[in-house]
Amino acid sequence: MSSYISELAQPMVIVGYLGQALFFSRFLVQWIASERLKRSIVPVVFWYLSLGGGALLLAYALWRKDQVIVLGQLVGVFVYVRNLMLIRRHKEPAIPVQPA
């Protein structure tokens, strides 16, 4: 039990948990925005949270030397960056979300 607690205190484990939290928060943001507009949307912040969470999880996976997670996060980070590039290129207007 004490080795588990000491592992939780390592900085890279904290990075991994932070990455998971960011990655999960993107689903909450997307769900709340869609519920407010009563239609499915993907706000730009979804892609930024995806990129931040994916980058932190990639760093954690590299530290853990986990090839499966590294590959998955590398592909994901590429997709998130590409979506942000497409959004910027087309300068799509932000979807206004009315406060509840």
Protein backbone atom coordinates (compact mmCIF):
# COMPACT_ATOMS: atom_id res chain seq x y z
CA MET A 1 0.00 0.00 0.00
CA SER A 2 2.79 2.45 0.84
CA SER A 3 4.48 1.86 -2.54
CA TYR A 4 1.16 2.71 -4.23
CA ILE A 5 0.90 5.96 -2.26
CA SER A 6 4.53 6.88 -3.00
CA GLU A 7 3.92 6.23 -6.70
CA LEU A 8 0.94 8.60 -6.63
CA ALA A 9 3.22 11.37 -5.35
CA GLN A 10 5.59 11.13 -8.34
CA PRO A 11 5.36 14.19 -10.61
CA MET A 12 4.73 12.16 -13.77
CA VAL A 13 1.83 10.32 -12.14
CA ILE A 14 0.34 13.72 -11.33
CA VAL A 15 0.88 14.69 -15.00
CA GLY A 16 -0.97 11.53 -16.02
CA TYR A 17 -3.92 12.30 -13.76
CA LEU A 18 -4.01 15.91 -14.98
CA GLY A 19 -4.01 14.66 -18.57
CA GLN A 20 -6.90 12.32 -17.77
CA ALA A 21 -8.82 15.17 -16.12
CA LEU A 22 -8.36 17.47 -19.13
CA PHE A 23 -9.24 14.69 -21.53
CA PHE A 24 -12.42 13.87 -19.59
CA SER A 25 -13.42 17.54 -19.24
CA ARG A 26 -13.71 17.88 -23.00
CA PHE A 27 -16.68 15.50 -22.96
CA LEU A 28 -18.38 17.56 -20.26
CA VAL A 29 -17.82 20.77 -22.24
CA GLN A 30 -19.22 19.21 -25.42
CA TRP A 31 -22.23 17.76 -23.63
CA ILE A 32 -23.10 21.00 -21.80
CA ALA A 33 -22.72 23.09 -24.97
CA SER A 34 -24.93 20.67 -26.92
CA GLU A 35 -27.58 20.60 -24.20
CA ARG A 36 -27.71 24.39 -24.07
CA LEU A 37 -28.20 24.68 -27.84
CA LYS A 38 -30.42 21.57 -28.04
CA ARG A 39 -28.24 20.17 -30.87
CA SER A 40 -24.95 18.35 -31.07
CA ILE A 41 -21.97 20.66 -31.45
CA VAL A 42 -18.22 20.46 -30.91
CA PRO A 43 -16.94 23.76 -29.46
CA VAL A 44 -13.39 24.85 -30.28
CA VAL A 45 -12.44 24.44 -26.61
CA PHE A 46 -13.11 20.69 -27.07
CA TRP A 47 -10.09 20.51 -29.40
CA TYR A 48 -7.87 22.52 -27.04
CA LEU A 49 -8.79 20.27 -24.12
CA SER A 50 -8.18 17.24 -26.34
CA LEU A 51 -4.76 18.58 -27.30
CA GLY A 52 -3.78 19.46 -23.73
CA GLY A 53 -5.01 16.17 -22.30
CA GLY A 54 -3.52 14.16 -25.15
CA ALA A 55 -0.13 15.85 -24.84
CA LEU A 56 0.02 15.23 -21.09
CA LEU A 57 -1.08 11.62 -21.53
CA LEU A 58 1.55 11.21 -24.25
CA ALA A 59 4.23 12.51 -21.87
CA TYR A 60 3.00 10.10 -19.21
CA ALA A 61 2.95 7.18 -21.68
CA LEU A 62 6.51 7.97 -22.78
CA TRP A 63 7.60 8.04 -19.16
CA ARG A 64 5.87 4.69 -18.54
CA LYS A 65 7.34 3.33 -21.80
CA ASP A 66 3.87 2.12 -22.82
CA GLN A 67 3.96 1.68 -26.60
CA VAL A 68 0.21 1.18 -26.94
CA ILE A 69 -0.71 4.43 -25.21
CA VAL A 70 2.11 6.31 -26.98
CA LEU A 71 0.80 5.25 -30.38
CA GLY A 72 -2.79 6.12 -29.50
CA GLN A 73 -1.91 9.54 -28.12
CA LEU A 74 0.42 10.38 -31.02
CA VAL A 75 -2.39 9.77 -33.49
CA GLY A 76 -4.83 11.69 -31.30
CA VAL A 77 -2.55 14.72 -30.90
CA PHE A 78 -2.11 14.84 -34.69
CA VAL A 79 -5.91 14.82 -35.17
CA TYR A 80 -6.45 17.55 -32.56
CA VAL A 81 -3.80 19.82 -34.07
CA ARG A 82 -5.18 19.22 -37.55
CA ASN A 83 -8.72 20.14 -36.46
CA LEU A 84 -7.46 23.35 -34.86
CA MET A 85 -5.56 24.17 -38.08
CA LEU A 86 -8.71 23.64 -40.15
CA ILE A 87 -10.77 25.79 -37.78
CA ARG A 88 -8.19 28.57 -37.91
CA ARG A 89 -7.86 28.35 -41.70
CA HIS A 90 -11.60 28.67 -42.24
CA LYS A 91 -12.06 31.11 -39.38
CA GLU A 92 -15.31 29.48 -38.40
CA PRO A 93 -17.26 31.73 -36.09
CA ALA A 94 -17.46 30.61 -32.51
CA ILE A 95 -20.84 29.19 -31.59
CA PRO A 96 -22.32 31.42 -28.92
CA VAL A 97 -23.47 29.50 -25.88
CA GLN A 98 -26.15 31.21 -23.86
CA PRO A 99 -25.74 31.03 -20.08
CA ALA A 100 -28.18 28.65 -18.45
